Amino acid sequence: MRRGARHNPDSRFDPQAYEYEVPLDPDAAPVQYIPVQARSLVNRIESPDLPLVYSMNPYAGCEHGCLYCYARNSHEYWGYSAGLDFETRILIKENAPQLLRQTLMDPRWEPHPIMLAGNTDCYQPIERQRRLTRQLLEVLWAFRHPVTIITKNALILRDLDLLTQLASQNLVHVYISITTLREEVRRVLEPRTAAAGRRLEVVRRLREAGIPTGVMVAPIIPGLTDDEVLPLLRAAAEAGAQTAAYTIVRLNGALAEIFEVWLREKLPDRADRILHLIAQCHEGHLNDPQWGRRLRGTGPLAETIARTFQVGLARYFAGAPPMPPYNLKAFRRGGQPSLFEDLEP
């Protein structure tokens, strides 16, 4: 099985915090699952670039191994590297469902949509055995609480029953992340993810079940995937997606080193051009920390990508039904049904 990162850079917090043992062949690195008892689960989103107020993640680290993943840097908070460790040292927050229930039971809690998997994918491979994401959805349904799910894994179809229940009361939006339609790119860029065709099939299945579904074209990587904007939007619309959004890649923290090492190994003839084009979108740097522009970029190339995306939305999504507004009035403090309402919709 392929891995994404080719090495383990030192943690910016403490280079001596962890003794990294990187095999001669990174693709042969085994996965270690580490159970933890988290202190909290639901986090307030501080970034004004994101439309939601809260997020939660049942897992830290992600086996998908996507090279561009901004979540890699968060692994350093746990004492691990953002590189190979991120995809081979997976922390399992065993008490996640209990923590969510405690949060929603708090009399001070006011319902707002919670983003599930705003950092790492909640449907990564270990979810098949641990089922933490499904348990979180069960809690959300019991409380009739709204949720936004972002994933690139077809395992979400396992929970179609719960998603259908949530959708029946306008309590869920799902976004399927698709970065490229070209398999030869996906296999090296996102080595352990579902193929794009499979993800488009997930969009079809979700829409057939009445689940509000959009597509995240994220991130767009200049020089590598920016030429796929229109084909990808067309494919998403044909699969039934109701809307689409995008970001431009930014290589913050350790991600810049991880991405460049990978790029020079896997695509050496294109590495300099891709890095140069990414920098063109971020004021001459590989990362722009400025809120309000960091996800979309600046400059002529970023503007061209933005215009192309808007053309695609107008061309392919003009007749698509809008994503329904979240129902915040269905919330049941305590997670108990009314005496006059059945649990089943």
C-alpha atoms as a PDB file:
ATOM      1  CA  MET A   1       0.000   0.000   0.000  1.00  0.00           C
ATOM      2  CA  ARG A   2       1.269   3.446  -0.945  1.00  0.00           C
ATOM      3  CA  ARG A   3       1.958   6.248   1.521  1.00  0.00           C
ATOM      4  CA  GLY A   4       1.878   9.947   0.837  1.00  0.00           C
ATOM      5  CA  ALA A   5       4.657  11.649   2.817  1.00  0.00           C
ATOM      6  CA  ARG A   6       8.184  10.461   2.141  1.00  0.00           C
ATOM      7  CA  HIS A   7       9.734  11.493   5.477  1.00  0.00           C
ATOM      8  CA  ASN A   8       9.127  12.874   8.975  1.00  0.00           C
ATOM      9  CA  PRO A   9      10.160  16.503   9.431  1.00  0.00           C
ATOM     10  CA  ASP A  10      10.835  17.706  12.984  1.00  0.00           C
ATOM     11  CA  SER A  11       7.969  19.147  15.010  1.00  0.00           C
ATOM     12  CA  ARG A  12       7.976  22.929  15.241  1.00  0.00           C
ATOM     13  CA  PHE A  13       7.113  22.637  18.941  1.00  0.00           C
ATOM     14  CA  ASP A  14       9.903  20.311  20.039  1.00  0.00           C
ATOM     15  CA  PRO A  15      12.237  18.553  17.583  1.00  0.00           C
ATOM     16  CA  GLN A  16      13.165  16.134  20.376  1.00  0.00           C
ATOM     17  CA  ALA A  17       9.584  15.332  21.377  1.00  0.00           C
ATOM     18  CA  TYR A  18       9.467  12.082  19.460  1.00  0.00           C
ATOM     19  CA  GLU A  19      12.044   9.682  18.083  1.00  0.00           C
ATOM     20  CA  TYR A  20      11.060   9.220  14.466  1.00  0.00           C
ATOM     21  CA  GLU A  21      11.721   5.858  12.920  1.00  0.00           C
ATOM     22  CA  VAL A  22      11.203   6.082   9.195  1.00  0.00           C
ATOM     23  CA  PRO A  23      11.563   2.847   7.216  1.00  0.00           C
ATOM     24  CA  LEU A  24      13.777   2.793   4.163  1.00  0.00           C
ATOM     25  CA  ASP A  25      10.578   2.351   2.164  1.00  0.00           C
ATOM     26  CA  PRO A  26       7.906   4.776   3.465  1.00  0.00           C
ATOM     27  CA  ASP A  27       5.243   2.834   1.570  1.00  0.00           C
ATOM     28  CA  ALA A  28       5.923  -0.135   3.880  1.00  0.00           C
ATOM     29  CA  ALA A  29       5.367   1.837   7.096  1.00  0.00           C
ATOM     30  CA  PRO A  30       2.784   0.058   9.292  1.00  0.00           C
ATOM     31  CA  VAL A  31      -0.159   1.865  10.878  1.00  0.00           C
ATOM     32  CA  GLN A  32      -0.381   2.181  14.637  1.00  0.00           C
ATOM     33  CA  TYR A  33      -3.789   2.917  16.171  1.00  0.00           C
ATOM     34  CA  ILE A  34      -3.539   4.789  19.460  1.00  0.00           C
ATOM     35  CA  PRO A  35      -6.609   5.021  21.732  1.00  0.00           C
ATOM     36  CA  VAL A  36      -6.952   8.277  23.664  1.00  0.00           C
ATOM     37  CA  GLN A  37      -9.446   9.782  26.070  1.00  0.00           C
ATOM     38  CA  ALA A  38     -10.022  13.272  24.726  1.00  0.00           C
ATOM     39  CA  ARG A  39     -10.754  16.163  27.066  1.00  0.00           C
ATOM     40  CA  SER A  40     -13.116  17.840  24.605  1.00  0.00           C
ATOM     41  CA  LEU A  41     -14.549  17.189  21.172  1.00  0.00           C
ATOM     42  CA  VAL A  42     -16.572  20.120  19.844  1.00  0.00           C
ATOM     43  CA  ASN A  43     -14.315  23.060  18.999  1.00  0.00           C
ATOM     44  CA  ARG A  44     -15.276  26.595  18.115  1.00  0.00           C
ATOM     45  CA  ILE A  45     -14.057  27.633  14.653  1.00  0.00           C
ATOM     46  CA  GLU A  46     -12.117  30.855  14.934  1.00  0.00           C
ATOM     47  CA  SER A  47     -11.460  31.372  11.216  1.00  0.00           C
ATOM     48  CA  PRO A  48     -13.812  33.842   9.474  1.00  0.00           C
ATOM     49  CA  ASP A  49     -13.012  32.026   6.216  1.00  0.00           C
ATOM     50  CA  LEU A  50     -15.301  29.162   7.214  1.00  0.00           C
ATOM     51  CA  PRO A  51     -19.100  29.513   7.322  1.00  0.00           C
ATOM     52  CA  LEU A  52     -19.692  27.252  10.342  1.00  0.00           C
ATOM     53  CA  VAL A  53     -19.265  27.888  14.058  1.00  0.00           C
ATOM     54  CA  TYR A  54     -18.204  24.472  15.407  1.00  0.00           C
ATOM     55  CA  SER A  55     -16.294  21.377  14.308  1.00  0.00           C
ATOM     56  CA  MET A  56     -15.465  17.951  15.731  1.00  0.00           C
ATOM     57  CA  ASN A  57     -13.117  15.143  14.747  1.00  0.00           C
ATOM     58  CA  PRO A  58     -13.238  11.601  16.175  1.00  0.00           C
ATOM     59  CA  TYR A  59      -9.767  10.796  14.817  1.00  0.00           C
ATOM     60  CA  ALA A  60      -6.425  12.621  14.719  1.00  0.00           C
ATOM     61  CA  GLY A  61      -4.150  11.729  11.842  1.00  0.00           C
ATOM     62  CA  CYS A  62      -5.493  10.254   8.616  1.00  0.00           C
ATOM     63  CA  GLU A  63      -4.584   7.157   6.625  1.00  0.00           C
ATOM     64  CA  HIS A  64      -5.646   8.762   3.347  1.00  0.00           C
ATOM     65  CA  GLY A  65      -2.181  10.324   3.138  1.00  0.00           C
ATOM     66  CA  CYS A  66      -3.157  13.373   1.061  1.00  0.00           C
ATOM     67  CA  LEU A  67       0.010  15.408   0.502  1.00  0.00           C
ATOM     68  CA  TYR A  68      -1.692  18.793   0.600  1.00  0.00           C
ATOM     69  CA  CYS A  69      -3.676  18.246   3.814  1.00  0.00           C
ATOM     70  CA  TYR A  70      -3.557  21.276   6.122  1.00  0.00           C
ATOM     71  CA  ALA A  71      -4.475  18.990   9.038  1.00  0.00           C
ATOM     72  CA  ARG A  72      -0.978  17.480   8.982  1.00  0.00           C
ATOM     73  CA  ASN A  73       0.304  20.372  11.080  1.00  0.00           C
ATOM     74  CA  SER A  74      -2.183  19.620  13.867  1.00  0.00           C
ATOM     75  CA  HIS A  75      -0.497  16.247  14.455  1.00  0.00           C
ATOM     76  CA  GLU A  76       2.450  18.090  15.953  1.00  0.00           C
ATOM     77  CA  TYR A  77       0.258  19.089  18.897  1.00  0.00           C
ATOM     78  CA  TRP A  78       0.131  15.396  19.825  1.00  0.00           C
ATOM     79  CA  GLY A  79       3.924  15.068  19.731  1.00  0.00           C
ATOM     80  CA  TYR A  80       4.113  13.465  16.287  1.00  0.00           C
ATOM     81  CA  SER A  81       5.442  14.597  12.939  1.00  0.00           C
ATOM     82  CA  ALA A  82       3.232  16.141  10.283  1.00  0.00           C
ATOM     83  CA  GLY A  83       4.881  13.823   7.761  1.00  0.00           C
ATOM     84  CA  LEU A  84       4.703  10.051   7.705  1.00  0.00           C
ATOM     85  CA  ASP A  85       3.504   9.958  11.325  1.00  0.00           C
ATOM     86  CA  PHE A  86       0.314  11.781  10.316  1.00  0.00           C
ATOM     87  CA  GLU A  87      -0.802   8.845   8.200  1.00  0.00           C
ATOM     88  CA  THR A  88       0.633   5.999  10.300  1.00  0.00           C
ATOM     89  CA  ARG A  89      -0.043   7.137  13.898  1.00  0.00           C
ATOM     90  CA  ILE A  90      -3.823   7.406  14.106  1.00  0.00           C
ATOM     91  CA  LEU A  91      -5.302   8.605  17.380  1.00  0.00           C
ATOM     92  CA  ILE A  92      -8.748   7.251  18.201  1.00  0.00           C
ATOM     93  CA  LYS A  93     -10.843   9.439  20.497  1.00  0.00           C
ATOM     94  CA  GLU A  94     -12.686   6.580  22.131  1.00  0.00           C
ATOM     95  CA  ASN A  95     -14.922   8.785  24.265  1.00  0.00           C
ATOM     96  CA  ALA A  96     -16.035  11.020  21.377  1.00  0.00           C
ATOM     97  CA  PRO A  97     -19.744  10.018  21.471  1.00  0.00           C
ATOM     98  CA  GLN A  98     -19.919  10.577  25.235  1.00  0.00           C
ATOM     99  CA  LEU A  99     -18.254  13.989  24.894  1.00  0.00           C
ATOM    100  CA  LEU A 100     -20.712  15.037  22.189  1.00  0.00           C
ATOM    101  CA  ARG A 101     -23.673  13.982  24.318  1.00  0.00           C
ATOM    102  CA  GLN A 102     -22.291  15.947  27.278  1.00  0.00           C
ATOM    103  CA  THR A 103     -21.899  19.038  25.096  1.00  0.00           C
ATOM    104  CA  LEU A 104     -25.433  18.866  23.746  1.00  0.00           C
ATOM    105  CA  MET A 105     -26.832  18.216  27.232  1.00  0.00           C
ATOM    106  CA  ASP A 106     -25.333  21.452  28.550  1.00  0.00           C
ATOM    107  CA  PRO A 107     -28.237  23.851  29.245  1.00  0.00           C
ATOM    108  CA  ARG A 108     -26.129  26.688  27.802  1.00  0.00           C
ATOM    109  CA  TRP A 109     -25.741  24.972  24.420  1.00  0.00           C
ATOM    110  CA  GLU A 110     -27.492  26.617  21.486  1.00  0.00           C
ATOM    111  CA  PRO A 111     -27.787  24.561  18.279  1.00  0.00           C
ATOM    112  CA  HIS A 112     -25.513  25.495  15.388  1.00  0.00           C
ATOM    113  CA  PRO A 113     -24.412  23.152  12.580  1.00  0.00           C
ATOM    114  CA  ILE A 114     -21.309  21.208  13.644  1.00  0.00           C
ATOM    115  CA  MET A 115     -18.780  20.354  10.946  1.00  0.00           C
ATOM    116  CA  LEU A 116     -17.890  16.674  11.224  1.00  0.00           C
ATOM    117  CA  ALA A 117     -14.382  15.998   9.894  1.00  0.00           C
ATOM    118  CA  GLY A 118     -13.299  19.583   9.512  1.00  0.00           C
ATOM    119  CA  ASN A 119      -9.735  18.442  10.173  1.00  0.00           C
ATOM    120  CA  THR A 120      -9.258  14.736   9.364  1.00  0.00           C
ATOM    121  CA  ASP A 121     -11.645  12.477   7.461  1.00  0.00           C
ATOM    122  CA  CYS A 122     -14.254  10.938   9.753  1.00  0.00           C
ATOM    123  CA  TYR A 123     -14.707   8.047   7.297  1.00  0.00           C
ATOM    124  CA  GLN A 124     -11.061   7.040   7.007  1.00  0.00           C
ATOM    125  CA  PRO A 125     -10.411   3.254   7.035  1.00  0.00           C
ATOM    126  CA  ILE A 126     -10.375   2.720  10.836  1.00  0.00           C
ATOM    127  CA  GLU A 127     -13.974   3.945  11.011  1.00  0.00           C
ATOM    128  CA  ARG A 128     -15.040   0.640   9.482  1.00  0.00           C
ATOM    129  CA  GLN A 129     -14.053  -1.091  12.717  1.00  0.00           C
ATOM    130  CA  ARG A 130     -14.424   1.601  15.384  1.00  0.00           C
ATOM    131  CA  ARG A 131     -17.687   3.190  14.130  1.00  0.00           C
ATOM    132  CA  LEU A 132     -17.165   6.418  16.067  1.00  0.00           C
ATOM    133  CA  THR A 133     -18.594   8.534  13.267  1.00  0.00           C
ATOM    134  CA  ARG A 134     -21.732   6.439  13.175  1.00  0.00           C
ATOM    135  CA  GLN A 135     -22.105   6.783  16.936  1.00  0.00           C
ATOM    136  CA  LEU A 136     -21.750  10.557  16.636  1.00  0.00           C
ATOM    137  CA  LEU A 137     -24.494  10.597  14.008  1.00  0.00           C
ATOM    138  CA  GLU A 138     -26.703   8.562  16.324  1.00  0.00           C
ATOM    139  CA  VAL A 139     -26.220  11.157  19.060  1.00  0.00           C
ATOM    140  CA  LEU A 140     -26.933  13.991  16.639  1.00  0.00           C
ATOM    141  CA  TRP A 141     -30.126  12.291  15.484  1.00  0.00           C
ATOM    142  CA  ALA A 142     -31.272  11.685  19.061  1.00  0.00           C
ATOM    143  CA  PHE A 143     -30.835  15.407  19.768  1.00  0.00           C
ATOM    144  CA  ARG A 144     -32.118  16.433  16.325  1.00  0.00           C
ATOM    145  CA  HIS A 145     -28.962  18.487  15.919  1.00  0.00           C
ATOM    146  CA  PRO A 146     -27.679  19.785  12.525  1.00  0.00           C
ATOM    147  CA  VAL A 147     -24.378  18.583  11.062  1.00  0.00           C
ATOM    148  CA  THR A 148     -22.184  19.191   8.006  1.00  0.00           C
ATOM    149  CA  ILE A 149     -20.079  16.240   6.823  1.00  0.00           C
ATOM    150  CA  ILE A 150     -17.019  16.500   4.586  1.00  0.00           C
ATOM    151  CA  THR A 151     -15.439  13.283   3.304  1.00  0.00           C
ATOM    152  CA  LYS A 152     -13.751  11.646   0.331  1.00  0.00           C
ATOM    153  CA  ASN A 153     -14.505   8.078   1.411  1.00  0.00           C
ATOM    154  CA  ALA A 154     -17.335   5.911   0.088  1.00  0.00           C
ATOM    155  CA  LEU A 155     -17.788   4.431   3.574  1.00  0.00           C
ATOM    156  CA  ILE A 156     -20.300   7.210   4.194  1.00  0.00           C
ATOM    157  CA  LEU A 157     -22.853   5.095   2.306  1.00  0.00           C
ATOM    158  CA  ARG A 158     -22.863   2.663   5.239  1.00  0.00           C
ATOM    159  CA  ASP A 159     -24.699   5.317   7.249  1.00  0.00           C
ATOM    160  CA  LEU A 160     -27.318   6.105   4.648  1.00  0.00           C
ATOM    161  CA  ASP A 161     -30.081   5.186   7.108  1.00  0.00           C
ATOM    162  CA  LEU A 162     -29.023   7.828   9.626  1.00  0.00           C
ATOM    163  CA  LEU A 163     -28.315  10.413   6.947  1.00  0.00           C
ATOM    164  CA  THR A 164     -31.792   9.875   5.513  1.00  0.00           C
ATOM    165  CA  GLN A 165     -33.336  10.425   8.938  1.00  0.00           C
ATOM    166  CA  LEU A 166     -31.343  13.598   9.469  1.00  0.00           C
ATOM    167  CA  ALA A 167     -32.194  14.860   5.986  1.00  0.00           C
ATOM    168  CA  SER A 168     -35.901  14.285   6.614  1.00  0.00           C
ATOM    169  CA  GLN A 169     -35.766  17.167   9.091  1.00  0.00           C
ATOM    170  CA  ASN A 170     -33.175  19.304   7.251  1.00  0.00           C
ATOM    171  CA  LEU A 171     -30.408  18.479   9.695  1.00  0.00           C
ATOM    172  CA  VAL A 172     -27.569  17.433   7.384  1.00  0.00           C
ATOM    173  CA  HIS A 173     -25.476  18.660   4.470  1.00  0.00           C
ATOM    174  CA  VAL A 174     -22.807  16.415   2.912  1.00  0.00           C
ATOM    175  CA  TYR A 175     -19.855  17.592   0.839  1.00  0.00           C
ATOM    176  CA  ILE A 176     -17.777  15.093  -1.108  1.00  0.00           C
ATOM    177  CA  SER A 177     -14.211  16.256  -1.690  1.00  0.00           C
ATOM    178  CA  ILE A 178     -12.845  15.633  -5.192  1.00  0.00           C
ATOM    179  CA  THR A 179      -9.432  16.999  -6.127  1.00  0.00           C
ATOM    180  CA  THR A 180      -8.778  15.410  -9.520  1.00  0.00           C
ATOM    181  CA  LEU A 181     -10.476  13.191 -12.097  1.00  0.00           C
ATOM    182  CA  ARG A 182      -7.153  11.779 -13.305  1.00  0.00           C
ATOM    183  CA  GLU A 183      -6.337   8.496 -11.615  1.00  0.00           C
ATOM    184  CA  GLU A 184      -2.634   8.761 -12.328  1.00  0.00           C
ATOM    185  CA  VAL A 185      -2.595  11.979 -10.267  1.00  0.00           C
ATOM    186  CA  ARG A 186      -4.894  10.771  -7.505  1.00  0.00           C
ATOM    187  CA  ARG A 187      -2.845   7.627  -6.899  1.00  0.00           C
ATOM    188  CA  VAL A 188       0.245   9.639  -5.953  1.00  0.00           C
ATOM    189  CA  LEU A 189      -1.428  12.752  -4.522  1.00  0.00           C
ATOM    190  CA  GLU A 190      -4.088  11.012  -2.395  1.00  0.00           C
ATOM    191  CA  PRO A 191      -2.741   7.459  -2.254  1.00  0.00           C
ATOM    192  CA  ARG A 192      -5.345   5.803   0.001  1.00  0.00           C
ATOM    193  CA  THR A 193      -8.528   7.549  -1.063  1.00  0.00           C
ATOM    194  CA  ALA A 194     -11.430   6.373  -3.186  1.00  0.00           C
ATOM    195  CA  ALA A 195     -11.124   6.888  -6.933  1.00  0.00           C
ATOM    196  CA  ALA A 196     -12.890   9.946  -8.334  1.00  0.00           C
ATOM    197  CA  GLY A 197     -15.410   7.789 -10.156  1.00  0.00           C
ATOM    198  CA  ARG A 198     -16.326   6.122  -6.880  1.00  0.00           C
ATOM    199  CA  ARG A 199     -16.766   9.490  -5.196  1.00  0.00           C
ATOM    200  CA  LEU A 200     -19.056  10.668  -7.977  1.00  0.00           C
ATOM    201  CA  GLU A 201     -21.075   7.494  -7.457  1.00  0.00           C
ATOM    202  CA  VAL A 202     -21.352   8.409  -3.777  1.00  0.00           C
ATOM    203  CA  VAL A 203     -22.777  11.779  -4.816  1.00  0.00           C
ATOM    204  CA  ARG A 204     -25.354   9.988  -6.972  1.00  0.00           C
ATOM    205  CA  ARG A 205     -26.337   7.595  -4.193  1.00  0.00           C
ATOM    206  CA  LEU A 206     -26.689  10.356  -1.632  1.00  0.00           C
ATOM    207  CA  ARG A 207     -28.830  12.482  -3.922  1.00  0.00           C
ATOM    208  CA  GLU A 208     -31.030   9.515  -4.840  1.00  0.00           C
ATOM    209  CA  ALA A 209     -31.642   9.090  -1.100  1.00  0.00           C
ATOM    210  CA  GLY A 210     -32.602  12.745  -0.745  1.00  0.00           C
ATOM    211  CA  ILE A 211     -29.448  13.848   1.084  1.00  0.00           C
ATOM    212  CA  PRO A 212     -28.433  17.469   0.369  1.00  0.00           C
ATOM    213  CA  THR A 213     -25.029  17.029  -1.277  1.00  0.00           C
ATOM    214  CA  GLY A 214     -22.381  19.314  -2.701  1.00  0.00           C
ATOM    215  CA  VAL A 215     -18.819  18.884  -3.908  1.00  0.00           C
ATOM    216  CA  MET A 216     -15.620  20.462  -2.603  1.00  0.00           C
ATOM    217  CA  VAL A 217     -13.068  20.985  -5.370  1.00  0.00           C
ATOM    218  CA  ALA A 218     -10.331  21.302  -2.833  1.00  0.00           C
ATOM    219  CA  PRO A 219      -7.622  22.105  -2.998  1.00  0.00           C
ATOM    220  CA  ILE A 220      -6.965  23.286  -6.517  1.00  0.00           C
ATOM    221  CA  ILE A 221      -3.217  22.911  -7.111  1.00  0.00           C
ATOM    222  CA  PRO A 222      -1.888  25.320  -9.759  1.00  0.00           C
ATOM    223  CA  GLY A 223       0.133  23.538 -12.391  1.00  0.00           C
ATOM    224  CA  LEU A 224      -1.283  20.156 -11.389  1.00  0.00           C
ATOM    225  CA  THR A 225      -5.080  20.226 -11.150  1.00  0.00           C
ATOM    226  CA  ASP A 226      -6.185  23.763 -12.079  1.00  0.00           C
ATOM    227  CA  ASP A 227      -6.928  22.644 -15.644  1.00  0.00           C
ATOM    228  CA  GLU A 228      -9.603  20.284 -14.307  1.00  0.00           C
ATOM    229  CA  VAL A 229     -11.959  22.881 -12.824  1.00  0.00           C
ATOM    230  CA  LEU A 230     -14.567  22.807 -15.583  1.00  0.00           C
ATOM    231  CA  PRO A 231     -14.475  19.021 -16.227  1.00  0.00           C
ATOM    232  CA  LEU A 232     -14.764  18.365 -12.513  1.00  0.00           C
ATOM    233  CA  LEU A 233     -17.702  20.743 -12.052  1.00  0.00           C
ATOM    234  CA  ARG A 234     -19.461  19.183 -15.022  1.00  0.00           C
ATOM    235  CA  ALA A 235     -18.963  15.664 -13.639  1.00  0.00           C
ATOM    236  CA  ALA A 236     -20.190  16.748 -10.191  1.00  0.00           C
ATOM    237  CA  ALA A 237     -23.319  18.357 -11.627  1.00  0.00           C
ATOM    238  CA  GLU A 238     -24.069  15.311 -13.770  1.00  0.00           C
ATOM    239  CA  ALA A 239     -23.790  13.160 -10.649  1.00  0.00           C
ATOM    240  CA  GLY A 240     -26.459  15.295  -8.991  1.00  0.00           C
ATOM    241  CA  ALA A 241     -24.440  17.627  -6.775  1.00  0.00           C
ATOM    242  CA  GLN A 242     -26.424  20.698  -5.792  1.00  0.00           C
ATOM    243  CA  THR A 243     -23.507  23.069  -5.336  1.00  0.00           C
ATOM    244  CA  ALA A 244     -19.724  23.250  -5.341  1.00  0.00           C
ATOM    245  CA  ALA A 245     -16.983  25.240  -3.640  1.00  0.00           C
ATOM    246  CA  TYR A 246     -13.201  25.388  -3.914  1.00  0.00           C
ATOM    247  CA  THR A 247      -9.971  26.393  -2.224  1.00  0.00           C
ATOM    248  CA  ILE A 248      -6.480  26.971  -3.613  1.00  0.00           C
ATOM    249  CA  VAL A 249      -3.732  24.956  -1.960  1.00  0.00           C
ATOM    250  CA  ARG A 250      -1.630  26.702   0.657  1.00  0.00           C
ATOM    251  CA  LEU A 251       1.413  25.034   2.161  1.00  0.00           C
ATOM    252  CA  ASN A 252       1.500  26.256   5.747  1.00  0.00           C
ATOM    253  CA  GLY A 253       3.871  25.066   8.479  1.00  0.00           C
ATOM    254  CA  ALA A 254       5.607  21.745   7.895  1.00  0.00           C
ATOM    255  CA  LEU A 255       3.384  21.153   4.878  1.00  0.00           C
ATOM    256  CA  ALA A 256       5.687  23.170   2.615  1.00  0.00           C
ATOM    257  CA  GLU A 257       8.630  20.838   3.230  1.00  0.00           C
ATOM    258  CA  ILE A 258       6.501  17.670   3.088  1.00  0.00           C
ATOM    259  CA  PHE A 259       4.880  18.687  -0.202  1.00  0.00           C
ATOM    260  CA  GLU A 260       8.130  19.767  -1.850  1.00  0.00           C
ATOM    261  CA  VAL A 261       9.989  16.569  -0.903  1.00  0.00           C
ATOM    262  CA  TRP A 262       7.100  14.521  -2.336  1.00  0.00           C
ATOM    263  CA  LEU A 263       6.844  16.691  -5.434  1.00  0.00           C
ATOM    264  CA  ARG A 264      10.536  16.391  -6.280  1.00  0.00           C
ATOM    265  CA  GLU A 265      10.401  12.611  -5.899  1.00  0.00           C
ATOM    266  CA  LYS A 266       7.129  11.938  -7.722  1.00  0.00           C
ATOM    267  CA  LEU A 267       6.968  14.750 -10.307  1.00  0.00           C
ATOM    268  CA  PRO A 268      10.556  16.063 -10.614  1.00  0.00           C
ATOM    269  CA  ASP A 269      10.092  17.531 -14.088  1.00  0.00           C
ATOM    270  CA  ARG A 270       7.141  19.664 -12.911  1.00  0.00           C
ATOM    271  CA  ALA A 271       8.170  20.468  -9.352  1.00  0.00           C
ATOM    272  CA  ASP A 272       9.675  23.936  -9.876  1.00  0.00           C
ATOM    273  CA  ARG A 273       6.779  25.103 -12.047  1.00  0.00           C
ATOM    274  CA  ILE A 274       4.117  23.882  -9.595  1.00  0.00           C
ATOM    275  CA  LEU A 275       5.832  25.522  -6.627  1.00  0.00           C
ATOM    276  CA  HIS A 276       6.254  28.745  -8.592  1.00  0.00           C
ATOM    277  CA  LEU A 277       2.565  28.819  -9.558  1.00  0.00           C
ATOM    278  CA  ILE A 278       1.446  28.134  -5.984  1.00  0.00           C
ATOM    279  CA  ALA A 279       3.608  31.045  -4.834  1.00  0.00           C
ATOM    280  CA  GLN A 280       2.020  33.267  -7.504  1.00  0.00           C
ATOM    281  CA  CYS A 281      -1.308  32.770  -5.718  1.00  0.00           C
ATOM    282  CA  HIS A 282       0.020  33.716  -2.272  1.00  0.00           C
ATOM    283  CA  GLU A 283       1.915  36.979  -2.611  1.00  0.00           C
ATOM    284  CA  GLY A 284       5.097  35.165  -3.676  1.00  0.00           C
ATOM    285  CA  HIS A 285       5.022  32.615  -0.851  1.00  0.00           C
ATOM    286  CA  LEU A 286       3.835  29.012  -0.552  1.00  0.00           C
ATOM    287  CA  ASN A 287       1.461  30.060   2.225  1.00  0.00           C
ATOM    288  CA  ASP A 288      -0.547  33.159   3.018  1.00  0.00           C
ATOM    289  CA  PRO A 289      -1.862  33.255   6.615  1.00  0.00           C
ATOM    290  CA  GLN A 290      -4.082  36.285   5.970  1.00  0.00           C
ATOM    291  CA  TRP A 291      -7.734  35.580   6.747  1.00  0.00           C
ATOM    292  CA  GLY A 292     -10.092  36.462   3.954  1.00  0.00           C
ATOM    293  CA  ARG A 293      -7.675  35.627   1.144  1.00  0.00           C
ATOM    294  CA  ARG A 294      -5.653  32.583   2.240  1.00  0.00           C
ATOM    295  CA  LEU A 295      -8.118  29.995   0.868  1.00  0.00           C
ATOM    296  CA  ARG A 296      -8.724  31.717  -2.493  1.00  0.00           C
ATOM    297  CA  GLY A 297      -5.377  33.347  -3.158  1.00  0.00           C
ATOM    298  CA  THR A 298      -4.539  36.621  -4.876  1.00  0.00           C
ATOM    299  CA  GLY A 299      -3.018  37.707  -8.161  1.00  0.00           C
ATOM    300  CA  PRO A 300      -3.816  37.024 -11.834  1.00  0.00           C
ATOM    301  CA  LEU A 301      -3.689  33.232 -11.625  1.00  0.00           C
ATOM    302  CA  ALA A 302      -5.968  33.083  -8.574  1.00  0.00           C
ATOM    303  CA  GLU A 303      -8.352  35.478 -10.326  1.00  0.00           C
ATOM    304  CA  THR A 304      -8.389  33.252 -13.428  1.00  0.00           C
ATOM    305  CA  ILE A 305      -9.220  30.218 -11.288  1.00  0.00           C
ATOM    306  CA  ALA A 306     -12.012  32.149  -9.564  1.00  0.00           C
ATOM    307  CA  ARG A 307     -13.530  33.279 -12.884  1.00  0.00           C
ATOM    308  CA  THR A 308     -13.289  29.777 -14.318  1.00  0.00           C
ATOM    309  CA  PHE A 309     -15.037  28.355 -11.260  1.00  0.00           C
ATOM    310  CA  GLN A 310     -17.837  30.904 -11.528  1.00  0.00           C
ATOM    311  CA  VAL A 311     -18.282  30.069 -15.221  1.00  0.00           C
ATOM    312  CA  GLY A 312     -18.547  26.388 -14.306  1.00  0.00           C
ATOM    313  CA  LEU A 313     -21.143  27.059 -11.623  1.00  0.00           C
ATOM    314  CA  ALA A 314     -23.227  29.153 -14.008  1.00  0.00           C
ATOM    315  CA  ARG A 315     -22.928  26.612 -16.813  1.00  0.00           C
ATOM    316  CA  TYR A 316     -23.496  23.365 -14.934  1.00  0.00           C
ATOM    317  CA  PHE A 317     -25.358  24.220 -11.720  1.00  0.00           C
ATOM    318  CA  ALA A 318     -27.845  26.829 -12.939  1.00  0.00           C
ATOM    319  CA  GLY A 319     -30.819  24.487 -12.533  1.00  0.00           C
ATOM    320  CA  ALA A 320     -29.668  22.648  -9.434  1.00  0.00           C
ATOM    321  CA  PRO A 321     -31.894  22.868  -6.344  1.00  0.00           C
ATOM    322  CA  PRO A 322     -30.315  24.951  -3.568  1.00  0.00           C
ATOM    323  CA  MET A 323     -29.032  23.366  -0.383  1.00  0.00           C
ATOM    324  CA  PRO A 324     -31.900  23.656   2.117  1.00  0.00           C
ATOM    325  CA  PRO A 325     -31.386  25.808   5.220  1.00  0.00           C
ATOM    326  CA  TYR A 326     -30.638  23.957   8.445  1.00  0.00           C
ATOM    327  CA  ASN A 327     -33.531  23.353  10.800  1.00  0.00           C
ATOM    328  CA  LEU A 328     -32.442  24.750  14.181  1.00  0.00           C
ATOM    329  CA  LYS A 329     -35.883  24.407  15.760  1.00  0.00           C
ATOM    330  CA  ALA A 330     -35.904  20.612  15.885  1.00  0.00           C
ATOM    331  CA  PHE A 331     -33.258  20.476  18.616  1.00  0.00           C
ATOM    332  CA  ARG A 332     -34.244  18.384  21.649  1.00  0.00           C
ATOM    333  CA  ARG A 333     -32.270  19.237  24.737  1.00  0.00           C
ATOM    334  CA  GLY A 334     -31.556  15.953  26.439  1.00  0.00           C
ATOM    335  CA  GLY A 335     -31.950  13.939  23.266  1.00  0.00           C
ATOM    336  CA  GLN A 336     -35.367  12.604  24.233  1.00  0.00           C
ATOM    337  CA  PRO A 337     -38.348  12.413  21.863  1.00  0.00           C
ATOM    338  CA  SER A 338     -41.524  14.269  22.542  1.00  0.00           C
ATOM    339  CA  LEU A 339     -44.391  12.241  23.982  1.00  0.00           C
ATOM    340  CA  PHE A 340     -46.317  13.075  20.842  1.00  0.00           C
ATOM    341  CA  GLU A 341     -43.612  12.242  18.291  1.00  0.00           C
ATOM    342  CA  ASP A 342     -42.104   8.939  17.278  1.00  0.00           C
ATOM    343  CA  LEU A 343     -38.346   8.521  16.947  1.00  0.00           C
ATOM    344  CA  GLU A 344     -38.729   7.559  13.295  1.00  0.00           C
ATOM    345  CA  PRO A 345     -39.568  10.410  10.929  1.00  0.00           C
END
